[in-house]
Amino acid sequence: MSLPQQTGAPRPNYPGSGNNTRNRDSGRERYSRNHGPQSPRRNERIRAIEVRVIGPDGNQVGLMSTREALQRARDFGLDLVEIAPNARPPVCRIVDYGKFQYEESKKLKKQKAGAARMKEVKLRPRCDVHDLMIKVRRAENFLYHGHKIKLILSFRFRELDHPEIGQELMKKALDELVHVGIPDYPPRLMGRSMSTTLSPVAQNKRKLVHNATAEPISDDEEEDDEDEAGES
């Protein structure tokens, strides 16, 4: 007795399914646990028939078949790494893969170090106009450089009996920064502090109003702490 034939729609060829060997290999390459999703193809994993090769000294060697390029890399005792897969033809470099990964990780760390960071600017409820503008100029400079800022207003003792004073001061500060920063949310009172964060406006819309020029910002620059002596 013959078994009944299976009916229904054919199984789709999802990446990694047994129906498509090429997609299965592609899934392994793209989601490699050892090297992560951004790991470039190298050596036998390079699929292009022809590639443009950069030698170990950084000079361009020229167009050649992938097989020939791979043999050249082996002659140097190095790897053939695909550094520009979307180029036509792809660009490969003859390099030590471990050294290549190290250099790429250093570049990534440098990019992260230069990324925008959250800066703090602290206010007091009863600061005068002069002190407020010092803080505003500091905040403007941070935002002009593309940093987010956290505006913090701290209350002491009986100052919490009149939170409207702090709210009015925060509103003044935000109004003075409207040309360079946008509040992410309205100022919130939590415990003895009222705070909000501001994100810089688009770079082509930023301008300096309270500063004559943009002052450089060091990586370890922090807002000076105010005297908290006697605060309970």
Protein backbone atom coordinates (compact mmCIF):
# COMPACT_ATOMS: atom_id res chain seq x y z
CA MET A 1 0.00 0.00 0.00
CA SER A 2 1.49 3.31 -1.05
CA LEU A 3 1.64 6.23 1.37
CA PRO A 4 -0.55 9.26 0.58
CA GLN A 5 1.26 12.11 -1.05
CA GLN A 6 1.72 15.29 0.98
CA THR A 7 -0.55 18.11 -0.15
CA GLY A 8 -0.57 21.82 0.51
CA ALA A 9 1.54 24.84 -0.41
CA PRO A 10 5.28 24.26 -0.87
CA ARG A 11 7.54 25.28 1.98
CA PRO A 12 9.00 28.78 1.51
CA ASN A 13 12.74 29.09 1.11
CA TYR A 14 13.48 31.02 4.30
CA PRO A 15 17.12 31.86 4.96
CA GLY A 16 18.60 28.97 6.87
CA SER A 17 15.97 26.45 5.69
CA GLY A 18 16.99 23.18 4.12
CA ASN A 19 15.33 24.12 0.82
CA ASN A 20 17.98 26.64 -0.11
CA THR A 21 21.64 25.84 0.48
CA ARG A 22 22.82 29.28 -0.60
CA ASN A 23 20.46 31.04 1.83
CA ARG A 24 21.51 28.68 4.63
CA ASP A 25 25.16 29.55 4.09
CA SER A 26 24.28 33.23 3.87
CA GLY A 27 22.50 33.05 7.24
CA ARG A 28 25.55 31.49 8.87
CA GLU A 29 27.80 34.15 7.40
CA ARG A 30 25.60 37.06 8.39
CA TYR A 31 24.78 35.93 11.92
CA SER A 32 28.09 34.38 12.91
CA ARG A 33 28.29 34.02 16.69
CA ASN A 34 32.05 34.39 16.66
CA HIS A 35 32.37 37.52 14.57
CA GLY A 36 28.99 39.32 14.77
CA PRO A 37 26.74 40.62 11.99
CA GLN A 38 29.29 43.10 10.67
CA SER A 39 32.11 40.58 10.20
CA PRO A 40 33.48 40.84 6.64
CA ARG A 41 33.85 37.79 4.40
CA ARG A 42 37.34 36.44 4.08
CA ASN A 43 39.30 33.80 2.19
CA GLU A 44 37.08 30.98 0.85
CA ARG A 45 33.89 32.77 2.02
CA ILE A 46 34.32 35.50 -0.60
CA ARG A 47 31.74 34.76 -3.32
CA ALA A 48 32.72 37.15 -6.10
CA ILE A 49 34.51 35.66 -9.09
CA GLU A 50 36.66 38.76 -9.60
CA VAL A 51 37.90 41.28 -7.02
CA ARG A 52 39.96 44.43 -6.80
CA VAL A 53 42.94 43.75 -4.53
CA ILE A 54 44.84 45.99 -2.12
CA GLY A 55 48.20 44.58 -1.08
CA PRO A 56 49.66 44.25 2.43
CA ASP A 57 51.51 47.57 1.96
CA GLY A 58 48.21 49.40 1.30
CA ASN A 59 48.86 49.89 -2.40
CA GLN A 60 46.37 48.78 -5.03
CA VAL A 61 47.39 45.62 -6.87
CA GLY A 62 44.55 45.60 -9.41
CA LEU A 63 41.79 43.36 -10.72
CA MET A 64 42.19 39.60 -10.60
CA SER A 65 40.24 36.44 -10.02
CA THR A 66 39.35 35.64 -6.43
CA ARG A 67 41.29 32.38 -6.70
CA GLU A 68 44.44 34.24 -7.75
CA ALA A 69 43.97 36.87 -5.01
CA LEU A 70 43.54 34.14 -2.41
CA GLN A 71 46.73 32.45 -3.57
CA ARG A 72 48.61 35.76 -3.25
CA ALA A 73 47.34 36.18 0.30
CA ARG A 74 48.53 32.65 1.13
CA ASP A 75 51.93 33.40 -0.34
CA PHE A 76 52.24 36.26 2.16
CA GLY A 77 50.92 34.07 4.98
CA LEU A 78 47.96 36.46 5.35
CA ASP A 79 44.20 36.59 4.76
CA LEU A 80 42.10 37.96 1.92
CA VAL A 81 39.45 40.20 3.53
CA GLU A 82 36.50 41.74 1.66
CA ILE A 83 36.41 45.38 2.82
CA ALA A 84 33.98 46.83 0.25
CA PRO A 85 31.44 44.13 -0.65
CA ASN A 86 29.06 46.53 -2.43
CA ALA A 87 31.65 47.80 -4.89
CA ARG A 88 31.66 46.39 -8.41
CA PRO A 89 33.82 44.39 -8.34
CA PRO A 90 34.22 44.00 -4.54
CA VAL A 91 37.40 45.36 -2.98
CA CYS A 92 39.56 42.97 -0.95
CA ARG A 93 42.64 43.57 1.13
CA ILE A 94 45.51 41.23 1.88
CA VAL A 95 46.02 41.57 5.62
CA ASP A 96 46.35 39.67 8.88
CA TYR A 97 42.73 39.18 9.93
CA GLY A 98 43.46 39.44 13.65
CA LYS A 99 45.27 42.75 13.13
CA PHE A 100 42.44 43.93 10.87
CA GLN A 101 39.84 43.23 13.60
CA TYR A 102 41.96 45.06 16.17
CA GLU A 103 42.25 48.14 13.96
CA GLU A 104 38.51 48.13 13.28
CA SER A 105 37.71 47.84 17.00
CA LYS A 106 39.95 50.85 17.72
CA LYS A 107 38.13 52.87 15.06
CA LEU A 108 34.78 51.93 16.61
CA LYS A 109 35.93 52.97 20.09
CA LYS A 110 37.15 56.28 18.72
CA GLN A 111 33.81 56.90 17.03
CA LYS A 112 31.94 56.12 20.27
CA ALA A 113 34.24 58.42 22.24
CA GLY A 114 33.40 61.28 19.87
CA ALA A 115 29.68 60.64 20.02
CA ALA A 116 27.33 63.02 21.81
CA ARG A 117 27.32 62.73 25.60
CA MET A 118 24.87 63.86 28.25
CA LYS A 119 26.04 67.01 30.06
CA GLU A 120 24.58 68.40 33.27
CA VAL A 121 23.82 72.04 34.04
CA LYS A 122 22.69 72.80 37.59
CA LEU A 123 20.51 75.67 38.73
CA ARG A 124 19.37 77.11 42.06
CA PRO A 125 15.81 78.41 42.58
CA ARG A 126 16.91 81.85 43.79
CA CYS A 127 19.87 82.53 41.48
CA ASP A 128 19.92 86.04 40.04
CA VAL A 129 19.81 86.95 36.36
CA HIS A 130 23.61 87.12 36.07
CA ASP A 131 24.08 83.61 37.49
CA LEU A 132 21.25 82.26 35.34
CA MET A 133 22.85 83.60 32.17
CA ILE A 134 26.19 82.00 33.09
CA LYS A 135 24.38 78.65 33.19
CA VAL A 136 22.48 79.43 29.98
CA ARG A 137 25.70 80.23 28.12
CA ARG A 138 27.21 76.96 29.34
CA ALA A 139 24.14 75.00 28.23
CA GLU A 140 24.09 76.78 24.86
CA ASN A 141 27.71 75.81 24.23
CA PHE A 142 27.01 72.14 25.02
CA LEU A 143 23.98 72.04 22.73
CA TYR A 144 25.79 73.90 19.95
CA HIS A 145 28.44 71.15 19.97
CA GLY A 146 25.70 68.52 19.60
CA HIS A 147 25.55 67.28 23.20
CA LYS A 148 22.33 66.54 25.05
CA ILE A 149 22.03 68.31 28.38
CA LYS A 150 20.21 67.60 31.61
CA LEU A 151 18.96 70.77 33.28
CA ILE A 152 18.71 70.20 37.04
CA LEU A 153 17.25 72.57 39.60
CA SER A 154 17.84 71.53 43.23
CA PHE A 155 15.73 72.78 46.15
CA ARG A 156 16.96 73.26 49.72
CA PHE A 157 15.05 73.32 52.96
CA ARG A 158 11.89 75.42 52.71
CA GLU A 159 12.41 76.23 49.02
CA LEU A 160 10.19 73.26 48.28
CA ASP A 161 7.30 75.20 49.80
CA HIS A 162 7.32 77.35 46.66
CA PRO A 163 8.02 75.06 43.67
CA GLU A 164 6.50 77.69 41.37
CA ILE A 165 9.71 79.74 41.79
CA GLY A 166 11.74 76.86 40.39
CA GLN A 167 9.23 76.27 37.61
CA GLU A 168 9.47 79.90 36.53
CA LEU A 169 13.28 79.75 36.52
CA MET A 170 13.29 76.57 34.44
CA LYS A 171 10.90 78.19 31.97
CA LYS A 172 13.22 81.19 31.63
CA ALA A 173 16.21 78.92 30.97
CA LEU A 174 14.32 76.90 28.37
CA ASP A 175 13.11 80.06 26.64
CA GLU A 176 16.72 81.29 26.42
CA LEU A 177 17.79 78.00 24.77
CA VAL A 178 14.93 77.53 22.30
CA HIS A 179 17.20 78.45 19.35
CA VAL A 180 19.62 75.60 20.05
CA GLY A 181 17.78 72.92 22.04
CA ILE A 182 14.38 71.24 22.36
CA PRO A 183 13.09 69.86 25.70
CA ASP A 184 12.47 66.11 25.57
CA TYR A 185 9.71 66.45 28.20
CA PRO A 186 8.35 69.15 30.55
CA PRO A 187 10.34 69.78 33.76
CA ARG A 188 9.49 67.16 36.39
CA LEU A 189 9.73 67.48 40.17
CA MET A 190 11.14 64.40 41.83
CA GLY A 191 12.11 64.63 45.48
CA ARG A 192 14.22 67.77 45.98
CA SER A 193 15.05 68.22 42.29
CA MET A 194 13.28 69.43 39.18
CA SER A 195 14.81 68.38 35.87
CA THR A 196 14.41 67.98 32.15
CA THR A 197 16.66 67.02 29.25
CA LEU A 198 17.23 68.93 26.03
CA SER A 199 18.31 67.61 22.65
CA PRO A 200 20.16 69.82 20.16
CA VAL A 201 18.26 71.05 17.13
CA ALA A 202 19.49 70.13 13.64
CA GLN A 203 23.07 71.25 13.07
CA ASN A 204 22.19 73.68 10.29
CA LYS A 205 19.68 75.41 12.60
CA ARG A 206 21.97 75.86 15.63
CA LYS A 207 23.22 79.34 16.35
CA LEU A 208 24.96 81.15 19.17
CA VAL A 209 23.03 83.92 20.86
CA HIS A 210 24.54 84.19 24.34
CA ASN A 211 28.12 83.19 23.40
CA ALA A 212 30.33 85.15 21.02
CA THR A 213 32.12 81.98 19.87
CA ALA A 214 31.80 78.26 20.54
CA GLU A 215 34.19 77.22 23.30
CA PRO A 216 35.92 73.82 23.03
CA ILE A 217 34.64 71.08 25.36
CA SER A 218 36.98 68.58 26.99
CA ASP A 219 35.83 64.97 27.43
CA ASP A 220 36.08 65.16 31.22
CA GLU A 221 34.43 68.58 31.59
CA GLU A 222 31.75 68.52 34.23
CA GLU A 223 29.40 71.05 35.75
CA ASP A 224 30.87 72.54 38.94
CA ASP A 225 29.08 71.25 42.02
CA GLU A 226 27.35 73.85 44.10
CA ASP A 227 27.89 74.06 47.84
CA GLU A 228 25.53 71.55 49.40
CA ALA A 229 26.68 72.19 52.95
CA GLY A 230 23.86 72.12 55.41
CA GLU A 231 21.42 70.40 53.05
CA SER A 232 19.46 67.69 54.76
